[in-house]
Amino acid sequence: MPLLVGNTLPVTLIRTPVTMTPVTLDAARELLHHADRALSFWGHANTLRLASRLLDYNLKPATARPALILDNKGHPGLDGCHTNTVLVLSPDYAPGYRPAIGCEPGGKDILGWQCLLVTFE
């Protein structure tokens, strides 16, 4: 089964029980490098290069701002491949920080990164 990786996972796509587990960056790198196949649904060009460098993995998606779809079991999919495992890598910002409308924050705004492994049952 492929591993999907992106910067966010919309909660509106959770239609079945899930387990969410924080993982270290090292563990995220291992997951990516040992996955049979990893598909990116990275949606923000402003953080793509930073995240790719951080994980030592090219996270450029096959299409710009791809959208996940759900199969009949409620599992997420992309490009015709479905899985039960999603890796989410999200930037940390200062408490209370909200970018201006229409503005995408860049590297100088990022204080750190968080990884979350989401497993769909």
PDB file of N, CA and C in Angstrom:
ATOM      1  N   MET A   1       0.837  -1.179   0.000  1.00  0.00           N
ATOM      2  CA  MET A   1       0.000   0.000   0.000  1.00  0.00           C
ATOM      3  C   MET A   1       0.881   1.242   0.000  1.00  0.00           C
ATOM      4  N   PRO A   2       0.523   2.237  -0.764  1.00  0.00           N
ATOM      5  CA  PRO A   2       1.346   3.445  -0.774  1.00  0.00           C
ATOM      6  C   PRO A   2       1.184   4.257   0.510  1.00  0.00           C
ATOM      7  N   LEU A   3       2.124   5.127   0.728  1.00  0.00           N
ATOM      8  CA  LEU A   3       2.069   6.098   1.822  1.00  0.00           C
ATOM      9  C   LEU A   3       1.739   7.438   1.193  1.00  0.00           C
ATOM     10  N   LEU A   4       0.689   8.087   1.666  1.00  0.00           N
ATOM     11  CA  LEU A   4       0.370   9.432   1.200  1.00  0.00           C
ATOM     12  C   LEU A   4       1.033  10.407   2.147  1.00  0.00           C
ATOM     13  N   VAL A   5       1.563  11.507   1.599  1.00  0.00           N
ATOM     14  CA  VAL A   5       2.223  12.506   2.436  1.00  0.00           C
ATOM     15  C   VAL A   5       1.801  13.898   1.991  1.00  0.00           C
ATOM     16  N   GLY A   6       1.475  14.732   2.984  1.00  0.00           N
ATOM     17  CA  GLY A   6       1.046  16.089   2.682  1.00  0.00           C
ATOM     18  C   GLY A   6       1.226  17.001   3.877  1.00  0.00           C
ATOM     19  N   ASN A   7       0.861  18.255   3.692  1.00  0.00           N
ATOM     20  CA  ASN A   7       1.041  19.252   4.745  1.00  0.00           C
ATOM     21  C   ASN A   7      -0.186  19.391   5.651  1.00  0.00           C
ATOM     22  N   THR A   8      -1.288  18.797   5.259  1.00  0.00           N
ATOM     23  CA  THR A   8      -2.491  18.832   6.085  1.00  0.00           C
ATOM     24  C   THR A   8      -3.414  17.712   5.634  1.00  0.00           C
ATOM     25  N   LEU A   9      -4.269  17.287   6.535  1.00  0.00           N
ATOM     26  CA  LEU A   9      -5.281  16.292   6.193  1.00  0.00           C
ATOM     27  C   LEU A   9      -6.615  16.854   6.656  1.00  0.00           C
ATOM     28  N   PRO A  10      -7.475  17.223   5.715  1.00  0.00           N
ATOM     29  CA  PRO A  10      -8.770  17.790   6.116  1.00  0.00           C
ATOM     30  C   PRO A  10      -9.585  16.799   6.946  1.00  0.00           C
ATOM     31  N   VAL A  11     -10.059  17.242   8.088  1.00  0.00           N
ATOM     32  CA  VAL A  11     -10.852  16.349   8.938  1.00  0.00           C
ATOM     33  C   VAL A  11     -12.160  15.945   8.269  1.00  0.00           C
ATOM     34  N   THR A  12     -12.595  16.680   7.281  1.00  0.00           N
ATOM     35  CA  THR A  12     -13.814  16.303   6.563  1.00  0.00           C
ATOM     36  C   THR A  12     -13.623  15.012   5.771  1.00  0.00           C
ATOM     37  N   LEU A  13     -12.370  14.575   5.589  1.00  0.00           N
ATOM     38  CA  LEU A  13     -12.115  13.318   4.897  1.00  0.00           C
ATOM     39  C   LEU A  13     -12.072  12.128   5.849  1.00  0.00           C
ATOM     40  N   ILE A  14     -12.232  12.362   7.123  1.00  0.00           N
ATOM     41  CA  ILE A  14     -12.212  11.259   8.084  1.00  0.00           C
ATOM     42  C   ILE A  14     -13.638  10.761   8.259  1.00  0.00           C
ATOM     43  N   ARG A  15     -13.895   9.600   7.695  1.00  0.00           N
ATOM     44  CA  ARG A  15     -15.230   8.995   7.728  1.00  0.00           C
ATOM     45  C   ARG A  15     -15.223   7.632   8.389  1.00  0.00           C
ATOM     46  N   THR A  16     -14.042   7.190   8.794  1.00  0.00           N
ATOM     47  CA  THR A  16     -13.883   5.926   9.493  1.00  0.00           C
ATOM     48  C   THR A  16     -13.005   6.187  10.711  1.00  0.00           C
ATOM     49  N   PRO A  17     -12.943   5.272  11.665  1.00  0.00           N
ATOM     50  CA  PRO A  17     -12.039   5.480  12.793  1.00  0.00           C
ATOM     51  C   PRO A  17     -10.592   5.617  12.318  1.00  0.00           C
ATOM     52  N   VAL A  18      -9.866   6.495  12.961  1.00  0.00           N
ATOM     53  CA  VAL A  18      -8.456   6.693  12.637  1.00  0.00           C
ATOM     54  C   VAL A  18      -7.642   6.705  13.928  1.00  0.00           C
ATOM     55  N   THR A  19      -6.375   6.398  13.773  1.00  0.00           N
ATOM     56  CA  THR A  19      -5.412   6.540  14.845  1.00  0.00           C
ATOM     57  C   THR A  19      -4.422   7.594  14.391  1.00  0.00           C
ATOM     58  N   MET A  20      -4.186   8.592  15.241  1.00  0.00           N
ATOM     59  CA  MET A  20      -3.233   9.650  14.925  1.00  0.00           C
ATOM     60  C   MET A  20      -2.090   9.570  15.930  1.00  0.00           C
ATOM     61  N   THR A  21      -0.882   9.427  15.404  1.00  0.00           N
ATOM     62  CA  THR A  21       0.286   9.257  16.249  1.00  0.00           C
ATOM     63  C   THR A  21       1.363  10.258  15.870  1.00  0.00           C
ATOM     64  N   PRO A  22       1.768  11.124  16.786  1.00  0.00           N
ATOM     65  CA  PRO A  22       2.907  11.998  16.491  1.00  0.00           C
ATOM     66  C   PRO A  22       4.162  11.136  16.308  1.00  0.00           C
ATOM     67  N   VAL A  23       4.952  11.451  15.291  1.00  0.00           N
ATOM     68  CA  VAL A  23       6.205  10.748  15.049  1.00  0.00           C
ATOM     69  C   VAL A  23       7.325  11.777  14.887  1.00  0.00           C
ATOM     70  N   THR A  24       8.536  11.346  15.123  1.00  0.00           N
ATOM     71  CA  THR A  24       9.683  12.230  14.972  1.00  0.00           C
ATOM     72  C   THR A  24       9.994  12.431  13.492  1.00  0.00           C
ATOM     73  N   LEU A  25      10.782  13.441  13.205  1.00  0.00           N
ATOM     74  CA  LEU A  25      11.222  13.659  11.824  1.00  0.00           C
ATOM     75  C   LEU A  25      12.030  12.467  11.334  1.00  0.00           C
ATOM     76  N   ASP A  26      12.855  11.895  12.197  1.00  0.00           N
ATOM     77  CA  ASP A  26      13.630  10.715  11.799  1.00  0.00           C
ATOM     78  C   ASP A  26      12.713   9.552  11.436  1.00  0.00           C
ATOM     79  N   ALA A  27      11.682   9.342  12.223  1.00  0.00           N
ATOM     80  CA  ALA A  27      10.725   8.271  11.928  1.00  0.00           C
ATOM     81  C   ALA A  27       9.982   8.547  10.622  1.00  0.00           C
ATOM     82  N   ALA A  28       9.647   9.812  10.373  1.00  0.00           N
ATOM     83  CA  ALA A  28       8.975  10.185   9.118  1.00  0.00           C
ATOM     84  C   ALA A  28       9.884   9.909   7.922  1.00  0.00           C
ATOM     85  N   ARG A  29      11.154  10.245   8.058  1.00  0.00           N
ATOM     86  CA  ARG A  29      12.121   9.963   6.977  1.00  0.00           C
ATOM     87  C   ARG A  29      12.185   8.457   6.700  1.00  0.00           C
ATOM     88  N   GLU A  30      12.253   7.681   7.763  1.00  0.00           N
ATOM     89  CA  GLU A  30      12.303   6.217   7.613  1.00  0.00           C
ATOM     90  C   GLU A  30      11.054   5.698   6.910  1.00  0.00           C
ATOM     91  N   LEU A  31       9.894   6.191   7.311  1.00  0.00           N
ATOM     92  CA  LEU A  31       8.647   5.763   6.665  1.00  0.00           C
ATOM     93  C   LEU A  31       8.682   6.057   5.170  1.00  0.00           C
ATOM     94  N   LEU A  32       9.112   7.242   4.811  1.00  0.00           N
ATOM     95  CA  LEU A  32       9.167   7.629   3.399  1.00  0.00           C
ATOM     96  C   LEU A  32      10.165   6.794   2.614  1.00  0.00           C
ATOM     97  N   HIS A  33      11.329   6.613   3.171  1.00  0.00           N
ATOM     98  CA  HIS A  33      12.386   5.905   2.448  1.00  0.00           C
ATOM     99  C   HIS A  33      12.162   4.403   2.362  1.00  0.00           C
ATOM    100  N   HIS A  34      11.314   3.856   3.235  1.00  0.00           N
ATOM    101  CA  HIS A  34      11.038   2.423   3.200  1.00  0.00           C
ATOM    102  C   HIS A  34       9.654   2.086   2.648  1.00  0.00           C
ATOM    103  N   ALA A  35       8.910   3.095   2.264  1.00  0.00           N
ATOM    104  CA  ALA A  35       7.578   2.852   1.691  1.00  0.00           C
ATOM    105  C   ALA A  35       7.726   2.224   0.300  1.00  0.00           C
ATOM    106  N   ASP A  36       6.830   1.294  -0.017  1.00  0.00           N
ATOM    107  CA  ASP A  36       6.828   0.725  -1.366  1.00  0.00           C
ATOM    108  C   ASP A  36       6.611   1.828  -2.399  1.00  0.00           C
ATOM    109  N   ARG A  37       5.770   2.777  -2.030  1.00  0.00           N
ATOM    110  CA  ARG A  37       5.458   3.911  -2.903  1.00  0.00           C
ATOM    111  C   ARG A  37       4.957   5.042  -2.026  1.00  0.00           C
ATOM    112  N   ALA A  38       5.419   6.249  -2.280  1.00  0.00           N
ATOM    113  CA  ALA A  38       4.934   7.428  -1.557  1.00  0.00           C
ATOM    114  C   ALA A  38       4.387   8.419  -2.568  1.00  0.00           C
ATOM    115  N   LEU A  39       3.191   8.904  -2.302  1.00  0.00           N
ATOM    116  CA  LEU A  39       2.535   9.880  -3.169  1.00  0.00           C
ATOM    117  C   LEU A  39       2.299  11.149  -2.383  1.00  0.00           C
ATOM    118  N   SER A  40       2.688  12.270  -2.960  1.00  0.00           N
ATOM    119  CA  SER A  40       2.553  13.548  -2.275  1.00  0.00           C
ATOM    120  C   SER A  40       1.286  14.279  -2.705  1.00  0.00           C
ATOM    121  N   PHE A  41       0.600  14.835  -1.714  1.00  0.00           N
ATOM    122  CA  PHE A  41      -0.526  15.734  -1.992  1.00  0.00           C
ATOM    123  C   PHE A  41      -0.219  17.101  -1.375  1.00  0.00           C
ATOM    124  N   TRP A  42       1.070  17.463  -1.376  1.00  0.00           N
ATOM    125  CA  TRP A  42       1.512  18.725  -0.794  1.00  0.00           C
ATOM    126  C   TRP A  42       0.806  19.870  -1.495  1.00  0.00           C
ATOM    127  N   GLY A  43       0.227  20.770  -0.709  1.00  0.00           N
ATOM    128  CA  GLY A  43      -0.612  21.802  -1.298  1.00  0.00           C
ATOM    129  C   GLY A  43      -0.063  23.213  -1.283  1.00  0.00           C
ATOM    130  N   HIS A  44       1.070  23.447  -0.634  1.00  0.00           N
ATOM    131  CA  HIS A  44       1.569  24.814  -0.523  1.00  0.00           C
ATOM    132  C   HIS A  44       2.974  24.926  -1.091  1.00  0.00           C
ATOM    133  N   ALA A  45       3.095  25.619  -2.206  1.00  0.00           N
ATOM    134  CA  ALA A  45       4.388  25.761  -2.880  1.00  0.00           C
ATOM    135  C   ALA A  45       5.419  26.463  -1.999  1.00  0.00           C
ATOM    136  N   ASN A  46       4.958  27.341  -1.107  1.00  0.00           N
ATOM    137  CA  ASN A  46       5.892  28.116  -0.282  1.00  0.00           C
ATOM    138  C   ASN A  46       6.670  27.265   0.715  1.00  0.00           C
ATOM    139  N   THR A  47       6.168  26.103   1.082  1.00  0.00           N
ATOM    140  CA  THR A  47       6.871  25.245   2.039  1.00  0.00           C
ATOM    141  C   THR A  47       7.379  23.943   1.412  1.00  0.00           C
ATOM    142  N   LEU A  48       7.105  23.729   0.155  1.00  0.00           N
ATOM    143  CA  LEU A  48       7.464  22.477  -0.505  1.00  0.00           C
ATOM    144  C   LEU A  48       8.966  22.215  -0.461  1.00  0.00           C
ATOM    145  N   ARG A  49       9.765  23.163  -0.833  1.00  0.00           N
ATOM    146  CA  ARG A  49      11.215  22.964  -0.871  1.00  0.00           C
ATOM    147  C   ARG A  49      11.771  22.713   0.535  1.00  0.00           C
ATOM    148  N   LEU A  50      11.291  23.494   1.503  1.00  0.00           N
ATOM    149  CA  LEU A  50      11.746  23.312   2.884  1.00  0.00           C
ATOM    150  C   LEU A  50      11.417  21.918   3.406  1.00  0.00           C
ATOM    151  N   ALA A  51      10.186  21.487   3.189  1.00  0.00           N
ATOM    152  CA  ALA A  51       9.747  20.179   3.674  1.00  0.00           C
ATOM    153  C   ALA A  51      10.485  19.050   2.961  1.00  0.00           C
ATOM    154  N   SER A  52      10.699  19.186   1.677  1.00  0.00           N
ATOM    155  CA  SER A  52      11.433  18.165   0.922  1.00  0.00           C
ATOM    156  C   SER A  52      12.852  18.023   1.450  1.00  0.00           C
ATOM    157  N   ARG A  53      13.484  19.138   1.709  1.00  0.00           N
ATOM    158  CA  ARG A  53      14.843  19.116   2.248  1.00  0.00           C
ATOM    159  C   ARG A  53      14.854  18.505   3.657  1.00  0.00           C
ATOM    160  N   LEU A  54      13.873  18.871   4.451  1.00  0.00           N
ATOM    161  CA  LEU A  54      13.786  18.376   5.826  1.00  0.00           C
ATOM    162  C   LEU A  54      13.634  16.850   5.874  1.00  0.00           C
ATOM    163  N   LEU A  55      12.827  16.300   4.979  1.00  0.00           N
ATOM    164  CA  LEU A  55      12.588  14.864   4.957  1.00  0.00           C
ATOM    165  C   LEU A  55      13.528  14.117   4.016  1.00  0.00           C
ATOM    166  N   ASP A  56      14.380  14.863   3.312  1.00  0.00           N
ATOM    167  CA  ASP A  56      15.300  14.251   2.351  1.00  0.00           C
ATOM    168  C   ASP A  56      14.521  13.405   1.346  1.00  0.00           C
ATOM    169  N   TYR A  57      13.429  13.995   0.846  1.00  0.00           N
ATOM    170  CA  TYR A  57      12.534  13.290  -0.075  1.00  0.00           C
ATOM    171  C   TYR A  57      11.832  14.328  -0.937  1.00  0.00           C
ATOM    172  N   ASN A  58      11.753  14.098  -2.229  1.00  0.00           N
ATOM    173  CA  ASN A  58      11.086  15.041  -3.122  1.00  0.00           C
ATOM    174  C   ASN A  58       9.566  14.937  -2.932  1.00  0.00           C
ATOM    175  N   LEU A  59       8.989  15.953  -2.323  1.00  0.00           N
ATOM    176  CA  LEU A  59       7.555  15.960  -2.033  1.00  0.00           C
ATOM    177  C   LEU A  59       6.724  16.645  -3.113  1.00  0.00           C
ATOM    178  N   LYS A  60       7.349  16.980  -4.230  1.00  0.00           N
ATOM    179  CA  LYS A  60       6.589  17.645  -5.293  1.00  0.00           C
ATOM    180  C   LYS A  60       5.505  16.695  -5.817  1.00  0.00           C
ATOM    181  N   PRO A  61       4.246  17.128  -5.726  1.00  0.00           N
ATOM    182  CA  PRO A  61       3.163  16.264  -6.214  1.00  0.00           C
ATOM    183  C   PRO A  61       3.139  16.204  -7.742  1.00  0.00           C
ATOM    184  N   ALA A  62       2.497  15.179  -8.257  1.00  0.00           N
ATOM    185  CA  ALA A  62       2.394  15.006  -9.710  1.00  0.00           C
ATOM    186  C   ALA A  62       1.593  16.138 -10.356  1.00  0.00           C
ATOM    187  N   THR A  63       0.636  16.711  -9.614  1.00  0.00           N
ATOM    188  CA  THR A  63      -0.150  17.840 -10.098  1.00  0.00           C
ATOM    189  C   THR A  63      -0.162  18.917  -9.020  1.00  0.00           C
ATOM    190  N   ALA A  64      -0.417  20.140  -9.421  1.00  0.00           N
ATOM    191  CA  ALA A  64      -0.460  21.247  -8.462  1.00  0.00           C
ATOM    192  C   ALA A  64      -1.693  21.114  -7.570  1.00  0.00           C
ATOM    193  N   ARG A  65      -1.493  21.227  -6.264  1.00  0.00           N
ATOM    194  CA  ARG A  65      -2.551  21.190  -5.257  1.00  0.00           C
ATOM    195  C   ARG A  65      -3.530  20.030  -5.470  1.00  0.00           C
ATOM    196  N   PRO A  66      -3.016  18.810  -5.466  1.00  0.00           N
ATOM    197  CA  PRO A  66      -3.892  17.655  -5.679  1.00  0.00           C
ATOM    198  C   PRO A  66      -4.872  17.469  -4.529  1.00  0.00           C
ATOM    199  N   ALA A  67      -6.000  16.886  -4.848  1.00  0.00           N
ATOM    200  CA  ALA A  67      -7.033  16.644  -3.838  1.00  0.00           C
ATOM    201  C   ALA A  67      -7.163  15.154  -3.586  1.00  0.00           C
ATOM    202  N   LEU A  68      -7.203  14.790  -2.319  1.00  0.00           N
ATOM    203  CA  LEU A  68      -7.429  13.395  -1.955  1.00  0.00           C
ATOM    204  C   LEU A  68      -8.885  13.028  -2.221  1.00  0.00           C
ATOM    205  N   ILE A  69      -9.111  11.761  -2.499  1.00  0.00           N
ATOM    206  CA  ILE A  69     -10.467  11.242  -2.646  1.00  0.00           C
ATOM    207  C   ILE A  69     -10.610  10.057  -1.698  1.00  0.00           C
ATOM    208  N   LEU A  70     -11.824   9.658  -1.422  1.00  0.00           N
ATOM    209  CA  LEU A  70     -12.078   8.514  -0.552  1.00  0.00           C
ATOM    210  C   LEU A  70     -12.606   7.345  -1.367  1.00  0.00           C
ATOM    211  N   ASP A  71     -12.164   6.135  -0.989  1.00  0.00           N
ATOM    212  CA  ASP A  71     -12.719   4.957  -1.641  1.00  0.00           C
ATOM    213  C   ASP A  71     -13.989   4.529  -0.901  1.00  0.00           C
ATOM    214  N   ASN A  72     -14.562   3.401  -1.300  1.00  0.00           N
ATOM    215  CA  ASN A  72     -15.826   2.972  -0.688  1.00  0.00           C
ATOM    216  C   ASN A  72     -15.666   2.506   0.759  1.00  0.00           C
ATOM    217  N   LYS A  73     -14.416   2.333   1.243  1.00  0.00           N
ATOM    218  CA  LYS A  73     -14.165   1.997   2.639  1.00  0.00           C
ATOM    219  C   LYS A  73     -13.906   3.248   3.480  1.00  0.00           C
ATOM    220  N   GLY A  74     -13.834   4.400   2.817  1.00  0.00           N
ATOM    221  CA  GLY A  74     -13.533   5.636   3.523  1.00  0.00           C
ATOM    222  C   GLY A  74     -12.038   5.880   3.677  1.00  0.00           C
ATOM    223  N   HIS A  75     -11.222   5.145   2.914  1.00  0.00           N
ATOM    224  CA  HIS A  75      -9.779   5.333   2.950  1.00  0.00           C
ATOM    225  C   HIS A  75      -9.360   6.347   1.884  1.00  0.00           C
ATOM    226  N   PRO A  76      -8.337   7.150   2.176  1.00  0.00           N
ATOM    227  CA  PRO A  76      -7.927   8.186   1.230  1.00  0.00           C
ATOM    228  C   PRO A  76      -7.144   7.617   0.049  1.00  0.00           C
ATOM    229  N   GLY A  77      -7.225   8.343  -1.055  1.00  0.00           N
ATOM    230  CA  GLY A  77      -6.501   7.936  -2.249  1.00  0.00           C
ATOM    231  C   GLY A  77      -6.064   9.133  -3.068  1.00  0.00           C
ATOM    232  N   LEU A  78      -5.138   8.854  -3.958  1.00  0.00           N
ATOM    233  CA  LEU A  78      -4.581   9.869  -4.853  1.00  0.00           C
ATOM    234  C   LEU A  78      -4.085   9.167  -6.102  1.00  0.00           C
ATOM    235  N   ASP A  79      -4.371   9.746  -7.241  1.00  0.00           N
ATOM    236  CA  ASP A  79      -3.888   9.205  -8.519  1.00  0.00           C
ATOM    237  C   ASP A  79      -4.234   7.732  -8.711  1.00  0.00           C
ATOM    238  N   GLY A  80      -5.417   7.331  -8.268  1.00  0.00           N
ATOM    239  CA  GLY A  80      -5.877   5.965  -8.452  1.00  0.00           C
ATOM    240  C   GLY A  80      -5.363   4.967  -7.431  1.00  0.00           C
ATOM    241  N   CYS A  81      -4.545   5.419  -6.494  1.00  0.00           N
ATOM    242  CA  CYS A  81      -4.014   4.541  -5.442  1.00  0.00           C
ATOM    243  C   CYS A  81      -4.676   4.894  -4.116  1.00  0.00           C
ATOM    244  N   HIS A  82      -5.114   3.887  -3.401  1.00  0.00           N
ATOM    245  CA  HIS A  82      -5.734   4.099  -2.094  1.00  0.00           C
ATOM    246  C   HIS A  82      -4.879   3.455  -1.023  1.00  0.00           C
ATOM    247  N   THR A  83      -4.987   3.973   0.187  1.00  0.00           N
ATOM    248  CA  THR A  83      -4.163   3.498   1.287  1.00  0.00           C
ATOM    249  C   THR A  83      -4.891   3.719   2.604  1.00  0.00           C
ATOM    250  N   ASN A  84      -4.296   3.216   3.653  1.00  0.00           N
ATOM    251  CA  ASN A  84      -4.849   3.491   4.977  1.00  0.00           C
ATOM    252  C   ASN A  84      -3.850   4.293   5.818  1.00  0.00           C
ATOM    253  N   THR A  85      -2.760   4.770   5.196  1.00  0.00           N
ATOM    254  CA  THR A  85      -1.716   5.457   5.945  1.00  0.00           C
ATOM    255  C   THR A  85      -1.357   6.791   5.305  1.00  0.00           C
ATOM    256  N   VAL A  86      -1.409   7.837   6.125  1.00  0.00           N
ATOM    257  CA  VAL A  86      -1.091   9.192   5.668  1.00  0.00           C
ATOM    258  C   VAL A  86      -0.090   9.805   6.635  1.00  0.00           C
ATOM    259  N   LEU A  87       0.954  10.393   6.084  1.00  0.00           N
ATOM    260  CA  LEU A  87       1.937  11.125   6.871  1.00  0.00           C
ATOM    261  C   LEU A  87       1.699  12.610   6.647  1.00  0.00           C
ATOM    262  N   VAL A  88       1.489  13.334   7.728  1.00  0.00           N
ATOM    263  CA  VAL A  88       1.245  14.775   7.647  1.00  0.00           C
ATOM    264  C   VAL A  88       2.424  15.494   8.289  1.00  0.00           C
ATOM    265  N   LEU A  89       3.026  16.396   7.545  1.00  0.00           N
ATOM    266  CA  LEU A  89       4.122  17.218   8.046  1.00  0.00           C
ATOM    267  C   LEU A  89       3.643  18.660   8.018  1.00  0.00           C
ATOM    268  N   SER A  90       3.545  19.265   9.188  1.00  0.00           N
ATOM    269  CA  SER A  90       3.001  20.624   9.286  1.00  0.00           C
ATOM    270  C   SER A  90       3.982  21.552   9.981  1.00  0.00           C
ATOM    271  N   PRO A  91       4.082  22.786   9.500  1.00  0.00           N
ATOM    272  CA  PRO A  91       4.971  23.752  10.152  1.00  0.00           C
ATOM    273  C   PRO A  91       4.372  24.278  11.454  1.00  0.00           C
ATOM    274  N   ASP A  92       5.257  24.597  12.387  1.00  0.00           N
ATOM    275  CA  ASP A  92       4.880  25.270  13.633  1.00  0.00           C
ATOM    276  C   ASP A  92       5.155  26.764  13.469  1.00  0.00           C
ATOM    277  N   TYR A  93       4.210  27.559  13.911  1.00  0.00           N
ATOM    278  CA  TYR A  93       4.357  29.011  13.893  1.00  0.00           C
ATOM    279  C   TYR A  93       4.279  29.527  15.325  1.00  0.00           C
ATOM    280  N   ALA A  94       4.595  30.779  15.516  1.00  0.00           N
ATOM    281  CA  ALA A  94       4.491  31.387  16.842  1.00  0.00           C
ATOM    282  C   ALA A  94       3.047  31.282  17.338  1.00  0.00           C
ATOM    283  N   PRO A  95       2.846  31.109  18.650  1.00  0.00           N
ATOM    284  CA  PRO A  95       1.485  31.021  19.188  1.00  0.00           C
ATOM    285  C   PRO A  95       0.636  32.220  18.742  1.00  0.00           C
ATOM    286  N   GLY A  96      -0.544  31.910  18.249  1.00  0.00           N
ATOM    287  CA  GLY A  96      -1.461  32.962  17.824  1.00  0.00           C
ATOM    288  C   GLY A  96      -1.183  33.534  16.440  1.00  0.00           C
ATOM    289  N   TYR A  97      -0.129  33.079  15.798  1.00  0.00           N
ATOM    290  CA  TYR A  97       0.221  33.602  14.467  1.00  0.00           C
ATOM    291  C   TYR A  97      -0.821  33.208  13.437  1.00  0.00           C
ATOM    292  N   ARG A  98      -1.244  34.182  12.671  1.00  0.00           N
ATOM    293  CA  ARG A  98      -2.142  33.928  11.540  1.00  0.00           C
ATOM    294  C   ARG A  98      -1.645  34.764  10.381  1.00  0.00           C
ATOM    295  N   PRO A  99      -1.339  34.142   9.242  1.00  0.00           N
ATOM    296  CA  PRO A  99      -0.868  34.923   8.102  1.00  0.00           C
ATOM    297  C   PRO A  99      -1.971  35.834   7.587  1.00  0.00           C
ATOM    298  N   ALA A 100      -1.563  36.931   6.997  1.00  0.00           N
ATOM    299  CA  ALA A 100      -2.526  37.860   6.400  1.00  0.00           C
ATOM    300  C   ALA A 100      -3.297  37.149   5.299  1.00  0.00           C
ATOM    301  N   ILE A 101      -4.519  37.560   5.061  1.00  0.00           N
ATOM    302  CA  ILE A 101      -5.344  36.977   4.007  1.00  0.00           C
ATOM    303  C   ILE A 101      -4.611  37.112   2.679  1.00  0.00           C
ATOM    304  N   GLY A 102      -4.532  36.003   1.962  1.00  0.00           N
ATOM    305  CA  GLY A 102      -3.868  35.984   0.666  1.00  0.00           C
ATOM    306  C   GLY A 102      -2.353  35.842   0.754  1.00  0.00           C
ATOM    307  N   CYS A 103      -1.821  35.747   1.957  1.00  0.00           N
ATOM    308  CA  CYS A 103      -0.374  35.642   2.152  1.00  0.00           C
ATOM    309  C   CYS A 103      -0.024  34.227   2.598  1.00  0.00           C
ATOM    310  N   GLU A 104       0.970  33.636   1.971  1.00  0.00           N
ATOM    311  CA  GLU A 104       1.448  32.321   2.371  1.00  0.00           C
ATOM    312  C   GLU A 104       2.727  32.512   3.169  1.00  0.00           C
ATOM    313  N   PRO A 105       2.786  32.061   4.405  1.00  0.00           N
ATOM    314  CA  PRO A 105       3.986  32.233   5.212  1.00  0.00           C
ATOM    315  C   PRO A 105       5.170  31.485   4.618  1.00  0.00           C
ATOM    316  N   GLY A 106       6.345  32.010   4.844  1.00  0.00           N
ATOM    317  CA  GLY A 106       7.554  31.392   4.318  1.00  0.00           C
ATOM    318  C   GLY A 106       8.427  30.837   5.422  1.00  0.00           C
ATOM    319  N   GLY A 107       9.635  30.462   5.063  1.00  0.00           N
ATOM    320  CA  GLY A 107      10.568  29.833   5.977  1.00  0.00           C
ATOM    321  C   GLY A 107      10.877  30.652   7.209  1.00  0.00           C
ATOM    322  N   LYS A 108      10.927  31.957   7.094  1.00  0.00           N
ATOM    323  CA  LYS A 108      11.267  32.811   8.240  1.00  0.00           C
ATOM    324  C   LYS A 108      10.177  32.776   9.310  1.00  0.00           C
ATOM    325  N   ASP A 109       8.965  32.401   8.939  1.00  0.00           N
ATOM    326  CA  ASP A 109       7.849  32.338   9.886  1.00  0.00           C
ATOM    327  C   ASP A 109       7.758  30.992  10.611  1.00  0.00           C
ATOM    328  N   ILE A 110       8.471  29.986  10.112  1.00  0.00           N
ATOM    329  CA  ILE A 110       8.363  28.628  10.638  1.00  0.00           C
ATOM    330  C   ILE A 110       9.347  28.433  11.780  1.00  0.00           C
ATOM    331  N   LEU A 111       8.817  28.017  12.928  1.00  0.00           N
ATOM    332  CA  LEU A 111       9.650  27.780  14.113  1.00  0.00           C
ATOM    333  C   LEU A 111      10.117  26.327  14.207  1.00  0.00           C
ATOM    334  N   GLY A 112       9.388  25.424  13.609  1.00  0.00           N
ATOM    335  CA  GLY A 112       9.709  24.003  13.657  1.00  0.00           C
ATOM    336  C   GLY A 112       8.678  23.230  12.847  1.00  0.00           C
ATOM    337  N   TRP A 113       8.727  21.911  12.952  1.00  0.00           N
ATOM    338  CA  TRP A 113       7.828  21.059  12.181  1.00  0.00           C
ATOM    339  C   TRP A 113       7.287  19.941  13.064  1.00  0.00           C
ATOM    340  N   GLN A 114       6.088  19.500  12.749  1.00  0.00           N
ATOM    341  CA  GLN A 114       5.445  18.391  13.447  1.00  0.00           C
ATOM    342  C   GLN A 114       5.039  17.333  12.433  1.00  0.00           C
ATOM    343  N   CYS A 115       5.206  16.081  12.805  1.00  0.00           N
ATOM    344  CA  CYS A 115       4.806  14.962  11.951  1.00  0.00           C
ATOM    345  C   CYS A 115       3.718  14.173  12.661  1.00  0.00           C
ATOM    346  N   LEU A 116       2.743  13.781  11.897  1.00  0.00           N
ATOM    347  CA  LEU A 116       1.629  13.012  12.422  1.00  0.00           C
ATOM    348  C   LEU A 116       1.361  11.857  11.472  1.00  0.00           C
ATOM    349  N   LEU A 117       1.349  10.663  11.985  1.00  0.00           N
ATOM    350  CA  LEU A 117       1.014   9.490  11.194  1.00  0.00           C
ATOM    351  C   LEU A 117      -0.454   9.160  11.442  1.00  0.00           C
ATOM    352  N   VAL A 118      -1.239   9.171  10.383  1.00  0.00           N
ATOM    353  CA  VAL A 118      -2.669   8.914  10.482  1.00  0.00           C
ATOM    354  C   VAL A 118      -2.955   7.568   9.822  1.00  0.00           C
ATOM    355  N   THR A 119      -3.522   6.657  10.606  1.00  0.00           N
ATOM    356  CA  THR A 119      -3.853   5.324  10.096  1.00  0.00           C
ATOM    357  C   THR A 119      -5.359   5.149  10.120  1.00  0.00           C
ATOM    358  N   PHE A 120      -5.921   4.861   8.962  1.00  0.00           N
ATOM    359  CA  PHE A 120      -7.361   4.644   8.816  1.00  0.00           C
ATOM    360  C   PHE A 120      -7.640   3.165   9.069  1.00  0.00           C
ATOM    361  N   GLU A 121      -8.661   2.874   9.869  1.00  0.00           N
ATOM    362  CA  GLU A 121      -9.012   1.474  10.168  1.00  0.00           C
ATOM    363  C   GLU A 121      -9.885   0.889   9.092  1.00  0.00           C
TER     364      GLU A 121
END
